[in-house]
């Protein structure tokens, strides 16, 4: 799983760099966005090191709405 998440991170970085290159993101905005991307990646790496692969919507996201044994259709 870690390899897939690494590939996803690298693809996001490549897409981000192209958006900056094409002028879709300002240089000022690019710096802060790049810093946030790196912070998120470091947090993901730490969770993966703890064998926690629950990435996604956060504590209030859809995954926590589902109870064991449900299909989600009840929502």
N, C-alpha and C. Protein backbone atom coordinates (compact mmCIF):
# COMPACT_ATOMS: atom_id res chain seq x y z
N UNK A 1 0.82 -1.20 0.00
CA UNK A 1 0.00 0.00 0.00
C UNK A 1 0.86 1.26 0.00
N UNK A 2 1.95 1.21 0.75
CA UNK A 2 2.78 2.41 0.85
C UNK A 2 3.28 2.84 -0.52
N UNK A 3 3.66 1.87 -1.35
CA UNK A 3 4.14 2.19 -2.69
C UNK A 3 3.09 2.90 -3.53
N UNK A 4 1.84 2.48 -3.40
CA UNK A 4 0.76 3.12 -4.14
C UNK A 4 0.54 4.55 -3.65
N UNK A 5 0.57 4.73 -2.34
CA UNK A 5 0.42 6.09 -1.80
C UNK A 5 1.59 6.98 -2.23
N UNK A 6 2.79 6.41 -2.31
CA UNK A 6 3.95 7.18 -2.77
C UNK A 6 3.76 7.60 -4.23
N UNK A 7 3.28 6.67 -5.07
CA UNK A 7 3.02 7.00 -6.47
C UNK A 7 1.97 8.10 -6.58
N UNK A 8 0.92 7.99 -5.77
CA UNK A 8 -0.13 9.00 -5.79
C UNK A 8 0.44 10.37 -5.41
N UNK A 9 1.28 10.40 -4.38
CA UNK A 9 1.90 11.66 -3.96
C UNK A 9 2.76 12.24 -5.07
N UNK A 10 3.55 11.40 -5.71
CA UNK A 10 4.42 11.87 -6.79
C UNK A 10 3.61 12.39 -7.96
N UNK A 11 2.50 11.72 -8.30
CA UNK A 11 1.64 12.20 -9.38
C UNK A 11 1.03 13.55 -9.04
N UNK A 12 0.59 13.69 -7.80
CA UNK A 12 0.04 14.98 -7.38
C UNK A 12 1.08 16.08 -7.47
N UNK A 13 2.31 15.76 -7.10
CA UNK A 13 3.38 16.75 -7.20
C UNK A 13 3.61 17.14 -8.65
N UNK A 14 3.64 16.15 -9.54
CA UNK A 14 3.86 16.42 -10.97
C UNK A 14 2.74 17.29 -11.54
N UNK A 15 1.50 16.97 -11.20
CA UNK A 15 0.36 17.75 -11.67
C UNK A 15 0.46 19.18 -11.13
N UNK A 16 0.80 19.30 -9.87
CA UNK A 16 0.94 20.62 -9.26
C UNK A 16 2.01 21.44 -9.98
N UNK A 17 3.16 20.83 -10.23
CA UNK A 17 4.25 21.53 -10.91
C UNK A 17 3.82 22.00 -12.30
N UNK A 18 3.06 21.18 -13.01
CA UNK A 18 2.57 21.58 -14.34
C UNK A 18 1.58 22.74 -14.23
N UNK A 19 0.72 22.71 -13.21
CA UNK A 19 -0.23 23.80 -13.03
C UNK A 19 0.51 25.12 -12.76
N UNK A 20 1.59 25.05 -11.99
CA UNK A 20 2.40 26.25 -11.75
C UNK A 20 3.06 26.68 -13.06
N UNK A 21 3.62 25.73 -13.78
CA UNK A 21 4.31 26.02 -15.04
C UNK A 21 3.38 26.70 -16.04
N UNK A 22 2.12 26.28 -16.10
CA UNK A 22 1.16 26.87 -17.04
C UNK A 22 0.49 28.12 -16.50
N UNK A 23 0.90 28.56 -15.31
CA UNK A 23 0.38 29.80 -14.76
C UNK A 23 -0.99 29.69 -14.13
N UNK A 24 -1.43 28.47 -13.83
CA UNK A 24 -2.72 28.28 -13.20
C UNK A 24 -2.69 28.56 -11.71
N UNK A 25 -1.49 28.56 -11.14
CA UNK A 25 -1.29 28.85 -9.73
C UNK A 25 -0.20 29.91 -9.64
N UNK A 26 -0.43 30.93 -8.83
CA UNK A 26 0.55 32.00 -8.69
C UNK A 26 1.77 31.48 -7.93
N UNK A 27 2.93 32.09 -8.14
CA UNK A 27 4.13 31.67 -7.40
C UNK A 27 3.95 31.79 -5.89
N UNK A 28 3.23 32.83 -5.46
CA UNK A 28 3.00 32.99 -4.03
C UNK A 28 2.13 31.85 -3.48
N UNK A 29 1.07 31.54 -4.20
CA UNK A 29 0.19 30.45 -3.79
C UNK A 29 0.88 29.10 -3.88
N UNK A 30 1.79 28.99 -4.83
CA UNK A 30 2.49 27.72 -5.03
C UNK A 30 3.34 27.34 -3.81
N UNK A 31 3.99 28.32 -3.22
CA UNK A 31 4.84 28.03 -2.07
C UNK A 31 4.04 27.48 -0.90
N UNK A 32 2.94 28.13 -0.57
CA UNK A 32 2.15 27.67 0.58
C UNK A 32 1.48 26.34 0.27
N UNK A 33 1.01 26.17 -0.96
CA UNK A 33 0.38 24.90 -1.32
C UNK A 33 1.38 23.75 -1.27
N UNK A 34 2.58 23.99 -1.78
CA UNK A 34 3.63 22.97 -1.76
C UNK A 34 3.97 22.58 -0.33
N UNK A 35 4.03 23.57 0.56
CA UNK A 35 4.32 23.29 1.97
C UNK A 35 3.23 22.42 2.59
N UNK A 36 1.96 22.72 2.27
CA UNK A 36 0.85 21.91 2.80
C UNK A 36 0.89 20.49 2.26
N UNK A 37 1.22 20.36 0.97
CA UNK A 37 1.33 19.01 0.38
C UNK A 37 2.39 18.20 1.11
N UNK A 38 3.51 18.82 1.39
CA UNK A 38 4.59 18.12 2.08
C UNK A 38 4.21 17.76 3.51
N UNK A 39 3.51 18.67 4.19
CA UNK A 39 3.05 18.37 5.55
C UNK A 39 2.11 17.18 5.56
N UNK A 40 1.17 17.16 4.60
CA UNK A 40 0.23 16.03 4.52
C UNK A 40 0.97 14.73 4.22
N UNK A 41 1.95 14.79 3.32
CA UNK A 41 2.71 13.58 2.96
C UNK A 41 3.49 13.06 4.18
N UNK A 42 4.10 13.96 4.92
CA UNK A 42 4.84 13.54 6.12
C UNK A 42 3.90 12.90 7.14
N UNK A 43 2.71 13.47 7.30
CA UNK A 43 1.72 12.89 8.22
C UNK A 43 1.29 11.51 7.74
N UNK A 44 1.09 11.36 6.43
CA UNK A 44 0.71 10.06 5.88
C UNK A 44 1.81 9.04 6.11
N UNK A 45 3.06 9.45 5.90
CA UNK A 45 4.19 8.54 6.12
C UNK A 45 4.24 8.08 7.57
N UNK A 46 3.98 8.99 8.48
CA UNK A 46 4.00 8.62 9.90
C UNK A 46 2.88 7.62 10.20
N UNK A 47 1.67 7.87 9.67
CA UNK A 47 0.57 6.93 9.89
C UNK A 47 0.90 5.56 9.30
N UNK A 48 1.49 5.55 8.11
CA UNK A 48 1.84 4.26 7.48
C UNK A 48 2.90 3.53 8.29
N UNK A 49 3.83 4.26 8.89
CA UNK A 49 4.86 3.64 9.73
C UNK A 49 4.22 2.97 10.95
N UNK A 50 3.06 3.49 11.36
CA UNK A 50 2.31 2.92 12.48
C UNK A 50 1.31 1.87 12.01
N UNK A 51 1.43 1.48 10.73
CA UNK A 51 0.54 0.50 10.10
C UNK A 51 -0.92 0.98 10.07
N UNK A 52 -1.10 2.28 9.92
CA UNK A 52 -2.42 2.89 9.83
C UNK A 52 -2.60 3.39 8.40
N UNK A 53 -3.42 2.69 7.64
CA UNK A 53 -3.63 3.06 6.24
C UNK A 53 -5.01 3.66 6.01
N UNK A 54 -5.62 4.19 7.05
CA UNK A 54 -6.93 4.84 6.92
C UNK A 54 -6.73 6.27 6.46
N UNK A 55 -6.67 6.46 5.16
CA UNK A 55 -6.50 7.78 4.58
C UNK A 55 -7.83 8.18 3.97
N UNK A 56 -8.12 9.44 3.97
CA UNK A 56 -9.32 9.85 3.28
C UNK A 56 -10.01 11.02 3.90
N UNK A 57 -11.28 10.85 4.25
CA UNK A 57 -12.16 11.94 4.60
C UNK A 57 -11.98 12.46 6.01
N UNK A 58 -11.24 11.81 6.84
CA UNK A 58 -11.08 12.28 8.21
C UNK A 58 -12.14 11.70 9.13
N UNK A 59 -12.17 12.18 10.35
CA UNK A 59 -13.04 11.61 11.37
C UNK A 59 -14.52 11.76 11.05
N UNK A 60 -14.90 12.74 10.29
CA UNK A 60 -16.32 12.96 10.00
C UNK A 60 -16.72 12.43 8.63
N UNK A 61 -15.82 11.73 7.98
CA UNK A 61 -16.09 11.26 6.62
C UNK A 61 -16.96 10.02 6.57
N UNK A 62 -17.29 9.59 5.37
CA UNK A 62 -18.20 8.47 5.16
C UNK A 62 -17.76 7.17 5.83
N UNK A 63 -16.48 6.90 5.91
CA UNK A 63 -16.05 5.61 6.43
C UNK A 63 -16.48 5.41 7.87
N UNK A 64 -16.60 6.49 8.64
CA UNK A 64 -17.00 6.36 10.03
C UNK A 64 -18.51 6.30 10.22
N UNK A 65 -19.25 6.54 9.18
CA UNK A 65 -20.70 6.44 9.27
C UNK A 65 -21.15 4.99 9.22
N UNK A 66 -20.36 4.17 8.57
CA UNK A 66 -20.75 2.77 8.39
C UNK A 66 -20.42 1.95 9.63
N UNK A 67 -21.36 1.15 10.03
CA UNK A 67 -21.15 0.23 11.15
C UNK A 67 -20.81 -1.13 10.58
N UNK A 68 -20.13 -1.93 11.34
CA UNK A 68 -19.80 -3.28 10.92
C UNK A 68 -21.08 -4.01 10.53
N UNK A 69 -21.06 -4.65 9.39
CA UNK A 69 -22.21 -5.43 8.95
C UNK A 69 -23.22 -4.66 8.12
N UNK A 70 -22.99 -3.37 7.86
CA UNK A 70 -23.93 -2.61 7.04
C UNK A 70 -23.35 -2.44 5.66
N UNK A 71 -24.22 -2.12 4.72
CA UNK A 71 -23.78 -1.94 3.34
C UNK A 71 -23.63 -0.48 2.97
N UNK A 72 -24.16 0.40 3.80
CA UNK A 72 -24.15 1.81 3.47
C UNK A 72 -25.44 2.25 2.83
N UNK A 73 -26.26 1.29 2.37
CA UNK A 73 -27.53 1.61 1.75
C UNK A 73 -28.49 2.24 2.74
N UNK A 74 -28.25 1.99 4.02
CA UNK A 74 -29.12 2.52 5.06
C UNK A 74 -29.01 4.03 5.18
N UNK A 75 -27.90 4.60 4.67
CA UNK A 75 -27.69 6.04 4.76
C UNK A 75 -28.62 6.69 3.82
